[in-house]
Amino acid sequence: MKSMNNRGSYVLLTLGFLFFVGAAVRFLPSNLATAAEALATGAHAAEEATPETDHAAAAPEARPMNEVCLTAETAAAIAAEQDLIAVQEDELQEEKLALKARALELESRTDELDALQETLEARWKEMQTVSDEDLMHLARMYGSMKPDQAAAIFNQMEPDFAGNFLRLMRSEQAGLIMASMETRKAYAVSLKLAELNADIRNSTASN
């Protein structure tokens, strides 16, 4: 009796297994086809996406050249350098203005000195003219005097001073006065007249 029950159980298990295998074989082809289709679709999508992915990986986005990553220290250093340059430019500008003002001042002083020199030269010429006129006046006055009277005055003069007067007189007048002068004094005046006449001769020869 027990042997018959075991056989019945075995038969039932065998039938259940066969039924399961049949159902699996029935649905397996459709599932495989669906899986294959899904795999093909995924592969096609991967092929289409791969060039863009590879291109994106191979060519990263280029950043503009003017975009530079600056740290706070670098920015502070650049700002300090710019401030230093600005200060130096201001100093150079101030020096340039100071030099320009100094040049204008020197030019003004030069003009003043030139004007003063012209004034002094004009004054000197005027004084020389007056002095020459005074000498001529005194020479005429001494020439109008008697020779012995004029000689007494010339004996009191320095030889060069007396010689300047005698040069302005006519030779006859000068000779009479010198003849009435003291011998030593007349000799000294003669030497001065020779030196003065030599200067005139040398000046004339050089021209």
N, C-alpha and C. Protein backbone atom coordinates (compact mmCIF):
# COMPACT_ATOMS: atom_id res chain seq x y z
N MET A 1 0.84 -1.19 0.00
CA MET A 1 0.00 0.00 0.00
C MET A 1 0.88 1.24 0.00
N LYS A 2 1.89 1.24 0.83
CA LYS A 2 2.83 2.36 0.91
C LYS A 2 3.57 2.50 -0.37
N SER A 3 3.88 1.47 -1.06
CA SER A 3 4.59 1.51 -2.34
C SER A 3 3.75 2.15 -3.38
N MET A 4 2.44 1.98 -3.39
CA MET A 4 1.54 2.59 -4.36
C MET A 4 1.46 4.08 -4.14
N ASN A 5 1.48 4.53 -2.92
CA ASN A 5 1.43 5.99 -2.63
C ASN A 5 2.69 6.68 -3.11
N ASN A 6 3.84 6.06 -2.92
CA ASN A 6 5.10 6.67 -3.38
C ASN A 6 5.12 6.81 -4.87
N ARG A 7 4.62 5.78 -5.58
CA ARG A 7 4.59 5.87 -7.05
C ARG A 7 3.68 7.00 -7.50
N GLY A 8 2.55 7.19 -6.81
CA GLY A 8 1.62 8.25 -7.19
C GLY A 8 2.24 9.61 -7.00
N SER A 9 2.98 9.78 -5.94
CA SER A 9 3.64 11.07 -5.68
C SER A 9 4.71 11.36 -6.72
N TYR A 10 5.44 10.32 -7.10
CA TYR A 10 6.48 10.49 -8.09
C TYR A 10 5.90 10.89 -9.42
N VAL A 11 4.79 10.27 -9.76
CA VAL A 11 4.14 10.57 -11.04
C VAL A 11 3.66 12.01 -11.05
N LEU A 12 3.06 12.45 -9.93
CA LEU A 12 2.58 13.83 -9.85
C LEU A 12 3.73 14.82 -9.98
N LEU A 13 4.85 14.56 -9.34
CA LEU A 13 6.01 15.45 -9.44
C LEU A 13 6.54 15.52 -10.86
N THR A 14 6.52 14.34 -11.49
CA THR A 14 7.02 14.31 -12.87
C THR A 14 6.13 15.10 -13.77
N LEU A 15 4.79 14.95 -13.62
CA LEU A 15 3.86 15.70 -14.44
C LEU A 15 4.00 17.20 -14.18
N GLY A 16 4.17 17.60 -12.93
CA GLY A 16 4.33 19.05 -12.62
C GLY A 16 5.58 19.63 -13.25
N PHE A 17 6.67 18.82 -13.23
CA PHE A 17 7.90 19.30 -13.81
C PHE A 17 7.77 19.49 -15.30
N LEU A 18 7.11 18.51 -15.95
CA LEU A 18 6.92 18.59 -17.39
C LEU A 18 6.04 19.78 -17.75
N PHE A 19 5.01 20.01 -16.95
CA PHE A 19 4.13 21.14 -17.22
C PHE A 19 4.91 22.47 -17.11
N PHE A 20 5.79 22.55 -16.11
CA PHE A 20 6.58 23.76 -15.93
C PHE A 20 7.54 23.98 -17.07
N VAL A 21 8.17 22.89 -17.50
CA VAL A 21 9.11 22.98 -18.62
C VAL A 21 8.39 23.40 -19.88
N GLY A 22 7.19 22.86 -20.08
CA GLY A 22 6.43 23.21 -21.28
C GLY A 22 6.07 24.69 -21.27
N ALA A 23 5.64 25.18 -20.12
CA ALA A 23 5.28 26.60 -20.03
C ALA A 23 6.49 27.48 -20.26
N ALA A 24 7.63 27.04 -19.71
CA ALA A 24 8.84 27.84 -19.88
C ALA A 24 9.28 27.87 -21.33
N VAL A 25 9.17 26.69 -22.00
CA VAL A 25 9.56 26.66 -23.40
C VAL A 25 8.62 27.48 -24.24
N ARG A 26 7.35 27.55 -23.86
CA ARG A 26 6.37 28.31 -24.59
C ARG A 26 6.64 29.82 -24.52
N PHE A 27 6.98 30.27 -23.32
CA PHE A 27 7.20 31.73 -23.16
C PHE A 27 8.66 32.17 -23.39
N LEU A 28 9.60 31.28 -23.41
CA LEU A 28 11.01 31.63 -23.53
C LEU A 28 11.36 32.35 -24.83
N PRO A 29 10.86 31.87 -26.01
CA PRO A 29 11.25 32.57 -27.25
C PRO A 29 10.84 34.05 -27.28
N SER A 30 9.63 34.32 -26.80
CA SER A 30 9.18 35.72 -26.81
C SER A 30 10.04 36.58 -25.86
N ASN A 31 10.38 36.00 -24.71
CA ASN A 31 11.22 36.74 -23.77
C ASN A 31 12.62 36.98 -24.31
N LEU A 32 13.15 35.95 -25.01
CA LEU A 32 14.48 36.11 -25.61
C LEU A 32 14.46 37.16 -26.70
N ALA A 33 13.38 37.14 -27.50
CA ALA A 33 13.27 38.13 -28.57
C ALA A 33 13.19 39.55 -28.01
N THR A 34 12.40 39.66 -26.91
CA THR A 34 12.29 40.99 -26.28
C THR A 34 13.63 41.45 -25.73
N ALA A 35 14.35 40.55 -25.10
CA ALA A 35 15.66 40.90 -24.53
C ALA A 35 16.65 41.26 -25.62
N ALA A 36 16.60 40.47 -26.74
CA ALA A 36 17.51 40.76 -27.86
C ALA A 36 17.20 42.12 -28.46
N GLU A 37 15.89 42.41 -28.60
CA GLU A 37 15.50 43.71 -29.15
C GLU A 37 15.96 44.84 -28.25
N ALA A 38 15.82 44.63 -26.94
CA ALA A 38 16.25 45.66 -25.99
C ALA A 38 17.75 45.86 -26.06
N LEU A 39 18.49 44.77 -26.18
CA LEU A 39 19.94 44.87 -26.29
C LEU A 39 20.36 45.60 -27.56
N ALA A 40 19.66 45.28 -28.70
CA ALA A 40 19.98 45.93 -29.96
C ALA A 40 19.70 47.42 -29.90
N THR A 41 18.53 47.72 -29.29
CA THR A 41 18.18 49.14 -29.16
C THR A 41 19.20 49.88 -28.32
N GLY A 42 19.63 49.30 -27.21
CA GLY A 42 20.63 49.92 -26.34
C GLY A 42 21.97 50.09 -27.03
N ALA A 43 22.34 49.06 -27.84
CA ALA A 43 23.62 49.16 -28.56
C ALA A 43 23.58 50.25 -29.59
N HIS A 44 22.40 50.35 -30.33
CA HIS A 44 22.28 51.40 -31.33
C HIS A 44 22.33 52.79 -30.70
N ALA A 45 21.66 52.91 -29.57
CA ALA A 45 21.68 54.20 -28.87
C ALA A 45 23.08 54.53 -28.37
N ALA A 46 23.79 53.49 -27.93
CA ALA A 46 25.16 53.72 -27.46
C ALA A 46 26.06 54.15 -28.59
N GLU A 47 25.83 53.51 -29.80
CA GLU A 47 26.64 53.91 -30.96
C GLU A 47 26.37 55.35 -31.36
N GLU A 48 25.07 55.74 -31.30
CA GLU A 48 24.75 57.12 -31.66
C GLU A 48 25.27 58.12 -30.63
N ALA A 49 25.28 57.73 -29.39
CA ALA A 49 25.71 58.65 -28.33
C ALA A 49 27.21 58.67 -28.16
N THR A 50 27.89 57.65 -28.61
CA THR A 50 29.33 57.54 -28.39
C THR A 50 30.11 58.67 -29.04
N PRO A 51 29.85 59.04 -30.33
CA PRO A 51 30.64 60.14 -30.92
C PRO A 51 30.53 61.44 -30.15
N GLU A 52 29.27 61.76 -29.74
CA GLU A 52 29.12 63.01 -28.99
C GLU A 52 29.84 62.92 -27.66
N THR A 53 29.74 61.74 -27.01
CA THR A 53 30.41 61.58 -25.72
C THR A 53 31.91 61.66 -25.88
N ASP A 54 32.41 60.95 -26.94
CA ASP A 54 33.85 60.99 -27.18
C ASP A 54 34.31 62.40 -27.52
N HIS A 55 33.47 63.11 -28.33
CA HIS A 55 33.84 64.48 -28.73
C HIS A 55 33.87 65.40 -27.50
N ALA A 56 32.86 65.17 -26.62
CA ALA A 56 32.81 66.00 -25.41
C ALA A 56 33.99 65.70 -24.51
N ALA A 57 34.39 64.43 -24.44
CA ALA A 57 35.51 64.07 -23.59
C ALA A 57 36.83 64.52 -24.20
N ALA A 58 36.92 64.43 -25.54
CA ALA A 58 38.18 64.78 -26.20
C ALA A 58 38.36 66.28 -26.30
N ALA A 59 37.27 67.04 -26.45
CA ALA A 59 37.38 68.49 -26.62
C ALA A 59 36.62 69.20 -25.51
N PRO A 60 37.23 69.41 -24.39
CA PRO A 60 36.55 70.14 -23.31
C PRO A 60 36.32 71.58 -23.72
N GLU A 61 35.38 72.20 -23.08
CA GLU A 61 35.01 73.57 -23.41
C GLU A 61 36.18 74.51 -23.15
N ALA A 62 36.54 75.26 -24.19
CA ALA A 62 37.68 76.18 -24.08
C ALA A 62 37.23 77.45 -23.37
N ARG A 63 38.06 77.89 -22.47
CA ARG A 63 37.77 79.12 -21.74
C ARG A 63 38.43 80.29 -22.45
N PRO A 64 37.82 81.46 -22.46
CA PRO A 64 38.44 82.63 -23.09
C PRO A 64 39.78 82.95 -22.45
N MET A 65 40.67 83.55 -23.28
CA MET A 65 42.01 83.85 -22.82
C MET A 65 42.01 84.89 -21.71
N ASN A 66 41.01 85.81 -21.74
CA ASN A 66 40.99 86.88 -20.75
C ASN A 66 40.43 86.45 -19.41
N GLU A 67 39.95 85.18 -19.33
CA GLU A 67 39.43 84.68 -18.07
C GLU A 67 40.58 84.02 -17.32
N VAL A 68 41.13 84.72 -16.33
CA VAL A 68 42.25 84.21 -15.57
C VAL A 68 41.82 84.09 -14.11
N CYS A 69 42.18 82.98 -13.55
CA CYS A 69 41.82 82.76 -12.16
C CYS A 69 42.83 83.51 -11.28
N LEU A 70 42.39 84.54 -10.59
CA LEU A 70 43.26 85.35 -9.76
C LEU A 70 42.97 85.07 -8.29
N THR A 71 44.04 84.91 -7.55
CA THR A 71 43.86 84.78 -6.11
C THR A 71 43.80 86.17 -5.48
N ALA A 72 43.42 86.19 -4.24
CA ALA A 72 43.33 87.47 -3.54
C ALA A 72 44.71 88.12 -3.42
N GLU A 73 45.74 87.33 -3.19
CA GLU A 73 47.09 87.88 -3.07
C GLU A 73 47.56 88.46 -4.40
N THR A 74 47.28 87.75 -5.51
CA THR A 74 47.68 88.24 -6.82
C THR A 74 46.96 89.55 -7.15
N ALA A 75 45.66 89.59 -6.89
CA ALA A 75 44.89 90.80 -7.16
C ALA A 75 45.42 91.96 -6.32
N ALA A 76 45.76 91.72 -5.05
CA ALA A 76 46.29 92.77 -4.20
C ALA A 76 47.65 93.26 -4.70
N ALA A 77 48.48 92.31 -5.17
CA ALA A 77 49.80 92.70 -5.69
C ALA A 77 49.67 93.55 -6.95
N ILE A 78 48.73 93.17 -7.83
CA ILE A 78 48.51 93.94 -9.06
C ILE A 78 48.00 95.35 -8.71
N ALA A 79 47.07 95.41 -7.77
CA ALA A 79 46.54 96.71 -7.36
C ALA A 79 47.63 97.60 -6.76
N ALA A 80 48.50 96.99 -5.94
CA ALA A 80 49.60 97.76 -5.35
C ALA A 80 50.57 98.25 -6.42
N GLU A 81 50.85 97.41 -7.40
CA GLU A 81 51.74 97.82 -8.49
C GLU A 81 51.13 98.96 -9.30
N GLN A 82 49.84 98.88 -9.56
CA GLN A 82 49.17 99.95 -10.29
C GLN A 82 49.19 101.26 -9.49
N ASP A 83 49.00 101.17 -8.18
CA ASP A 83 49.06 102.38 -7.35
C ASP A 83 50.46 102.99 -7.38
N LEU A 84 51.49 102.12 -7.32
CA LEU A 84 52.88 102.60 -7.38
C LEU A 84 53.16 103.30 -8.71
N ILE A 85 52.69 102.71 -9.79
CA ILE A 85 52.89 103.31 -11.11
C ILE A 85 52.18 104.66 -11.18
N ALA A 86 50.98 104.73 -10.64
CA ALA A 86 50.24 106.00 -10.65
C ALA A 86 50.98 107.07 -9.85
N VAL A 87 51.53 106.69 -8.69
CA VAL A 87 52.29 107.64 -7.87
C VAL A 87 53.53 108.12 -8.62
N GLN A 88 54.24 107.19 -9.26
CA GLN A 88 55.44 107.57 -10.02
C GLN A 88 55.09 108.49 -11.19
N GLU A 89 53.98 108.22 -11.86
CA GLU A 89 53.55 109.09 -12.95
C GLU A 89 53.23 110.50 -12.43
N ASP A 90 52.59 110.57 -11.28
CA ASP A 90 52.29 111.89 -10.69
C ASP A 90 53.58 112.63 -10.33
N GLU A 91 54.55 111.90 -9.77
CA GLU A 91 55.82 112.53 -9.42
C GLU A 91 56.55 113.04 -10.65
N LEU A 92 56.55 112.22 -11.71
CA LEU A 92 57.19 112.65 -12.97
C LEU A 92 56.51 113.88 -13.55
N GLN A 93 55.18 113.91 -13.46
CA GLN A 93 54.44 115.07 -13.96
C GLN A 93 54.79 116.32 -13.16
N GLU A 94 54.88 116.17 -11.84
CA GLU A 94 55.24 117.31 -11.00
C GLU A 94 56.66 117.79 -11.31
N GLU A 95 57.59 116.85 -11.51
CA GLU A 95 58.96 117.24 -11.85
C GLU A 95 59.00 117.94 -13.20
N LYS A 96 58.20 117.45 -14.14
CA LYS A 96 58.16 118.08 -15.46
C LYS A 96 57.65 119.51 -15.36
N LEU A 97 56.59 119.70 -14.57
CA LEU A 97 56.05 121.05 -14.39
C LEU A 97 57.04 121.96 -13.68
N ALA A 98 57.75 121.40 -12.68
CA ALA A 98 58.75 122.20 -11.97
C ALA A 98 59.89 122.61 -12.90
N LEU A 99 60.34 121.67 -13.73
CA LEU A 99 61.41 122.00 -14.69
C LEU A 99 60.95 123.04 -15.71
N LYS A 100 59.71 122.92 -16.13
CA LYS A 100 59.18 123.89 -17.08
C LYS A 100 59.11 125.28 -16.44
N ALA A 101 58.65 125.34 -15.18
CA ALA A 101 58.59 126.63 -14.49
C ALA A 101 59.99 127.20 -14.28
N ARG A 102 60.95 126.32 -13.97
CA ARG A 102 62.34 126.77 -13.80
C ARG A 102 62.91 127.30 -15.11
N ALA A 103 62.60 126.61 -16.20
CA ALA A 103 63.07 127.06 -17.51
C ALA A 103 62.49 128.44 -17.86
N LEU A 104 61.21 128.62 -17.57
CA LEU A 104 60.59 129.93 -17.82
C LEU A 104 61.22 131.02 -16.96
N GLU A 105 61.51 130.66 -15.70
CA GLU A 105 62.14 131.63 -14.80
C GLU A 105 63.54 132.02 -15.30
N LEU A 106 64.32 130.99 -15.73
CA LEU A 106 65.66 131.27 -16.24
C LEU A 106 65.59 132.10 -17.52
N GLU A 107 64.61 131.80 -18.36
CA GLU A 107 64.46 132.58 -19.59
C GLU A 107 64.12 134.03 -19.27
N SER A 108 63.25 134.23 -18.27
CA SER A 108 62.91 135.59 -17.87
C SER A 108 64.12 136.32 -17.29
N ARG A 109 64.91 135.59 -16.44
CA ARG A 109 66.11 136.21 -15.88
C ARG A 109 67.11 136.54 -16.97
N THR A 110 67.23 135.66 -17.97
CA THR A 110 68.15 135.92 -19.07
C THR A 110 67.74 137.18 -19.84
N ASP A 111 66.45 137.31 -20.07
CA ASP A 111 65.96 138.52 -20.75
C ASP A 111 66.26 139.76 -19.92
N GLU A 112 66.07 139.65 -18.60
CA GLU A 112 66.36 140.79 -17.74
C GLU A 112 67.84 141.15 -17.77
N LEU A 113 68.70 140.10 -17.73
CA LEU A 113 70.14 140.36 -17.77
C LEU A 113 70.56 140.97 -19.10
N ASP A 114 69.97 140.47 -20.19
CA ASP A 114 70.28 141.05 -21.50
C ASP A 114 69.87 142.51 -21.57
N ALA A 115 68.68 142.80 -21.03
CA ALA A 115 68.23 144.20 -21.02
C ALA A 115 69.14 145.06 -20.15
N LEU A 116 69.56 144.50 -18.99
CA LEU A 116 70.46 145.25 -18.11
C LEU A 116 71.81 145.49 -18.77
N GLN A 117 72.31 144.45 -19.49
CA GLN A 117 73.58 144.62 -20.17
C GLN A 117 73.49 145.69 -21.26
N GLU A 118 72.40 145.67 -21.99
CA GLU A 118 72.22 146.70 -23.01
C GLU A 118 72.16 148.10 -22.37
N THR A 119 71.49 148.19 -21.23
CA THR A 119 71.40 149.48 -20.53
C THR A 119 72.78 149.95 -20.07
N LEU A 120 73.56 148.99 -19.51
CA LEU A 120 74.90 149.34 -19.04
C LEU A 120 75.81 149.75 -20.19
N GLU A 121 75.72 149.01 -21.30
CA GLU A 121 76.54 149.37 -22.45
C GLU A 121 76.16 150.74 -22.98
N ALA A 122 74.87 151.00 -23.05
CA ALA A 122 74.44 152.33 -23.51
C ALA A 122 74.91 153.42 -22.55
N ARG A 123 74.82 153.12 -21.24
CA ARG A 123 75.27 154.10 -20.25
C ARG A 123 76.77 154.31 -20.34
N TRP A 124 77.52 153.22 -20.56
CA TRP A 124 78.96 153.33 -20.67
C TRP A 124 79.36 154.17 -21.89
N LYS A 125 78.70 153.92 -22.99
CA LYS A 125 78.97 154.72 -24.19
C LYS A 125 78.65 156.19 -23.94
N GLU A 126 77.57 156.41 -23.24
CA GLU A 126 77.20 157.79 -22.92
C GLU A 126 78.24 158.45 -22.03
N MET A 127 78.71 157.66 -21.02
CA MET A 127 79.73 158.20 -20.13
C MET A 127 81.03 158.44 -20.88
N GLN A 128 81.37 157.53 -21.78
CA GLN A 128 82.57 157.74 -22.57
C GLN A 128 82.46 159.00 -23.44
N THR A 129 81.28 159.16 -24.02
CA THR A 129 81.06 160.36 -24.85
C THR A 129 81.20 161.62 -24.02
N VAL A 130 80.60 161.59 -22.81
CA VAL A 130 80.70 162.76 -21.93
C VAL A 130 82.14 162.98 -21.50
N SER A 131 82.81 161.84 -21.18
CA SER A 131 84.21 161.97 -20.75
C SER A 131 85.07 162.52 -21.87
N ASP A 132 84.87 162.02 -23.09
CA ASP A 132 85.63 162.54 -24.23
C ASP A 132 85.34 164.03 -24.45
N GLU A 133 84.09 164.38 -24.27
CA GLU A 133 83.73 165.79 -24.44
C GLU A 133 84.39 166.64 -23.36
N ASP A 134 84.44 166.12 -22.13
CA ASP A 134 85.10 166.86 -21.05
C ASP A 134 86.59 167.01 -21.32
N LEU A 135 87.20 165.89 -21.81
CA LEU A 135 88.62 165.96 -22.13
C LEU A 135 88.89 166.97 -23.24
N MET A 136 88.05 166.95 -24.25
CA MET A 136 88.23 167.91 -25.34
C MET A 136 88.06 169.33 -24.84
N HIS A 137 87.10 169.52 -23.95
CA HIS A 137 86.88 170.87 -23.41
C HIS A 137 88.10 171.32 -22.61
N LEU A 138 88.64 170.45 -21.76
CA LEU A 138 89.82 170.79 -20.97
C LEU A 138 91.04 170.99 -21.87
N ALA A 139 91.15 170.14 -22.90
CA ALA A 139 92.30 170.30 -23.81
C ALA A 139 92.24 171.64 -24.52
N ARG A 140 91.08 172.05 -24.95
CA ARG A 140 90.95 173.38 -25.60
C ARG A 140 91.25 174.50 -24.61
N MET A 141 90.79 174.29 -23.37
CA MET A 141 91.03 175.31 -22.35
C MET A 141 92.53 175.43 -22.06
N TYR A 142 93.24 174.25 -21.93
CA TYR A 142 94.68 174.30 -21.68
C TYR A 142 95.42 174.87 -22.90
N GLY A 143 94.90 174.57 -24.06
CA GLY A 143 95.55 175.07 -25.27
C GLY A 143 95.42 176.58 -25.42
N SER A 144 94.37 177.14 -24.84
CA SER A 144 94.16 178.60 -24.93
C SER A 144 95.00 179.37 -23.90
N MET A 145 95.55 178.63 -22.92
CA MET A 145 96.37 179.26 -21.90
C MET A 145 97.79 179.50 -22.43
N LYS A 146 98.51 180.33 -21.73
CA LYS A 146 99.90 180.53 -22.06
C LYS A 146 100.67 179.23 -21.76
N PRO A 147 101.69 178.89 -22.56
CA PRO A 147 102.40 177.62 -22.37
C PRO A 147 102.99 177.45 -20.98
N ASP A 148 103.58 178.52 -20.39
CA ASP A 148 104.17 178.36 -19.07
C ASP A 148 103.11 178.14 -17.99
N GLN A 149 101.92 178.76 -18.15
CA GLN A 149 100.84 178.55 -17.19
C GLN A 149 100.29 177.11 -17.28
N ALA A 150 100.08 176.65 -18.52
CA ALA A 150 99.60 175.28 -18.70
C ALA A 150 100.65 174.28 -18.23
N ALA A 151 101.95 174.58 -18.44
CA ALA A 151 103.02 173.67 -18.02
C ALA A 151 103.04 173.52 -16.51
N ALA A 152 102.76 174.61 -15.78
CA ALA A 152 102.73 174.53 -14.31
C ALA A 152 101.65 173.55 -13.85
N ILE A 153 100.52 173.53 -14.55
CA ILE A 153 99.43 172.60 -14.20
C ILE A 153 99.82 171.17 -14.59
N PHE A 154 100.43 171.01 -15.78
CA PHE A 154 100.78 169.67 -16.25
C PHE A 154 101.88 169.04 -15.40
N ASN A 155 102.70 169.90 -14.76
CA ASN A 155 103.73 169.34 -13.88
C ASN A 155 103.11 168.64 -12.67
N GLN A 156 101.87 169.00 -12.31
CA GLN A 156 101.19 168.40 -11.16
C GLN A 156 100.41 167.12 -11.55
N MET A 157 100.28 166.85 -12.83
CA MET A 157 99.50 165.68 -13.30
C MET A 157 100.36 164.43 -13.39
N GLU A 158 99.69 163.29 -13.36
CA GLU A 158 100.38 162.02 -13.64
C GLU A 158 100.76 162.00 -15.12
N PRO A 159 101.87 161.35 -15.48
CA PRO A 159 102.32 161.37 -16.86
C PRO A 159 101.28 160.86 -17.87
N ASP A 160 100.60 159.76 -17.52
CA ASP A 160 99.60 159.24 -18.48
C ASP A 160 98.42 160.18 -18.61
N PHE A 161 98.01 160.80 -17.48
CA PHE A 161 96.88 161.73 -17.53
C PHE A 161 97.24 162.97 -18.35
N ALA A 162 98.43 163.48 -18.14
CA ALA A 162 98.89 164.65 -18.90
C ALA A 162 99.04 164.30 -20.37
N GLY A 163 99.52 163.06 -20.64
CA GLY A 163 99.68 162.65 -22.03
C GLY A 163 98.35 162.61 -22.78
N ASN A 164 97.27 162.19 -22.09
CA ASN A 164 95.95 162.15 -22.74
C ASN A 164 95.51 163.55 -23.17
N PHE A 165 95.78 164.55 -22.35
CA PHE A 165 95.42 165.91 -22.74
C PHE A 165 96.26 166.39 -23.91
N LEU A 166 97.56 166.15 -23.85
CA LEU A 166 98.45 166.62 -24.90
C LEU A 166 98.13 165.98 -26.25
N ARG A 167 97.63 164.77 -26.25
CA ARG A 167 97.27 164.10 -27.51
C ARG A 167 96.10 164.79 -28.19
N LEU A 168 95.23 165.42 -27.38
CA LEU A 168 94.07 166.08 -27.95
C LEU A 168 94.38 167.49 -28.48
N MET A 169 95.56 167.97 -28.18
CA MET A 169 95.94 169.33 -28.62
C MET A 169 96.65 169.27 -29.97
N ARG A 170 96.76 170.42 -30.58
CA ARG A 170 97.57 170.51 -31.77
C ARG A 170 99.04 170.31 -31.39
N SER A 171 99.80 169.82 -32.33
CA SER A 171 101.21 169.52 -32.04
C SER A 171 101.98 170.75 -31.58
N GLU A 172 101.69 171.94 -32.15
CA GLU A 172 102.38 173.15 -31.77
C GLU A 172 102.09 173.51 -30.32
N GLN A 173 100.82 173.42 -29.93
CA GLN A 173 100.44 173.75 -28.56
C GLN A 173 101.08 172.76 -27.58
N ALA A 174 100.99 171.45 -27.90
CA ALA A 174 101.56 170.43 -27.01
C ALA A 174 103.07 170.63 -26.86
N GLY A 175 103.75 170.97 -27.97
CA GLY A 175 105.21 171.17 -27.90
C GLY A 175 105.58 172.34 -27.03
N LEU A 176 104.87 173.45 -27.11
CA LEU A 176 105.16 174.61 -26.29
C LEU A 176 104.95 174.33 -24.81
N ILE A 177 103.90 173.59 -24.50
CA ILE A 177 103.62 173.27 -23.08
C ILE A 177 104.71 172.37 -22.53
N MET A 178 105.10 171.33 -23.30
CA MET A 178 106.12 170.40 -22.83
C MET A 178 107.47 171.10 -22.69
N ALA A 179 107.72 172.07 -23.55
CA ALA A 179 108.99 172.81 -23.44
C ALA A 179 109.04 173.64 -22.17
N SER A 180 107.88 174.01 -21.66
CA SER A 180 107.83 174.82 -20.43
C SER A 180 107.73 173.96 -19.18
N MET A 181 107.55 172.63 -19.34
CA MET A 181 107.41 171.73 -18.19
C MET A 181 108.79 171.39 -17.63
N GLU A 182 108.80 170.83 -16.43
CA GLU A 182 110.03 170.33 -15.84
C GLU A 182 110.60 169.23 -16.73
N THR A 183 111.91 169.13 -16.75
CA THR A 183 112.57 168.21 -17.69
C THR A 183 112.17 166.76 -17.41
N ARG A 184 112.25 166.34 -16.15
CA ARG A 184 111.91 164.95 -15.80
C ARG A 184 110.43 164.66 -16.11
N LYS A 185 109.60 165.62 -15.79
CA LYS A 185 108.16 165.43 -16.03
C LYS A 185 107.88 165.37 -17.53
N ALA A 186 108.52 166.22 -18.28
CA ALA A 186 108.31 166.22 -19.73
C ALA A 186 108.80 164.91 -20.34
N TYR A 187 109.90 164.36 -19.79
CA TYR A 187 110.42 163.09 -20.30
C TYR A 187 109.43 161.95 -20.02
N ALA A 188 108.88 161.89 -18.81
CA ALA A 188 107.92 160.84 -18.46
C ALA A 188 106.66 160.94 -19.32
N VAL A 189 106.22 162.20 -19.56
CA VAL A 189 105.04 162.37 -20.42
C VAL A 189 105.35 161.93 -21.84
N SER A 190 106.56 162.17 -22.31
CA SER A 190 106.95 161.75 -23.65
C SER A 190 106.90 160.23 -23.79
N LEU A 191 107.37 159.52 -22.75
CA LEU A 191 107.31 158.05 -22.79
C LEU A 191 105.87 157.55 -22.86
N LYS A 192 104.99 158.15 -22.07
CA LYS A 192 103.58 157.75 -22.09
C LYS A 192 102.95 158.02 -23.45
N LEU A 193 103.30 159.16 -24.05
CA LEU A 193 102.76 159.46 -25.38
C LEU A 193 103.25 158.44 -26.41
N ALA A 194 104.51 158.01 -26.29
CA ALA A 194 105.05 157.01 -27.20
C ALA A 194 104.32 155.68 -27.05
N GLU A 195 104.03 155.28 -25.79
CA GLU A 195 103.29 154.02 -25.56
C GLU A 195 101.88 154.11 -26.13
N LEU A 196 101.22 155.23 -25.90
CA LEU A 196 99.86 155.39 -26.43
C LEU A 196 99.85 155.38 -27.94
N ASN A 197 100.81 156.07 -28.54
CA ASN A 197 100.88 156.09 -30.00
C ASN A 197 101.25 154.72 -30.56
N ALA A 198 102.05 153.95 -29.80
CA ALA A 198 102.39 152.59 -30.24
C ALA A 198 101.14 151.71 -30.25
N ASP A 199 100.29 151.85 -29.21
CA ASP A 199 99.04 151.08 -29.18
C ASP A 199 98.18 151.43 -30.38
N ILE A 200 98.12 152.69 -30.72
CA ILE A 200 97.32 153.12 -31.87
C ILE A 200 97.89 152.56 -33.16
N ARG A 201 99.25 152.62 -33.31
CA ARG A 201 99.89 152.10 -34.50
C ARG A 201 99.65 150.59 -34.65
N ASN A 202 99.78 149.86 -33.52
CA ASN A 202 99.58 148.40 -33.59
C ASN A 202 98.14 148.06 -33.93
N SER A 203 97.19 148.81 -33.39
CA SER A 203 95.79 148.58 -33.68
C SER A 203 95.50 148.85 -35.15
N THR A 204 96.09 149.90 -35.68
CA THR A 204 95.88 150.23 -37.09
C THR A 204 96.51 149.18 -38.01
N ALA A 205 97.70 148.69 -37.62
CA ALA A 205 98.39 147.68 -38.43
C ALA A 205 97.63 146.37 -38.45
N SER A 206 97.06 145.99 -37.30
CA SER A 206 96.32 144.72 -37.24
C SER A 206 95.05 144.77 -38.05
N ASN A 207 94.42 145.93 -38.18
CA ASN A 207 93.23 146.07 -39.00
C ASN A 207 93.59 146.09 -40.49
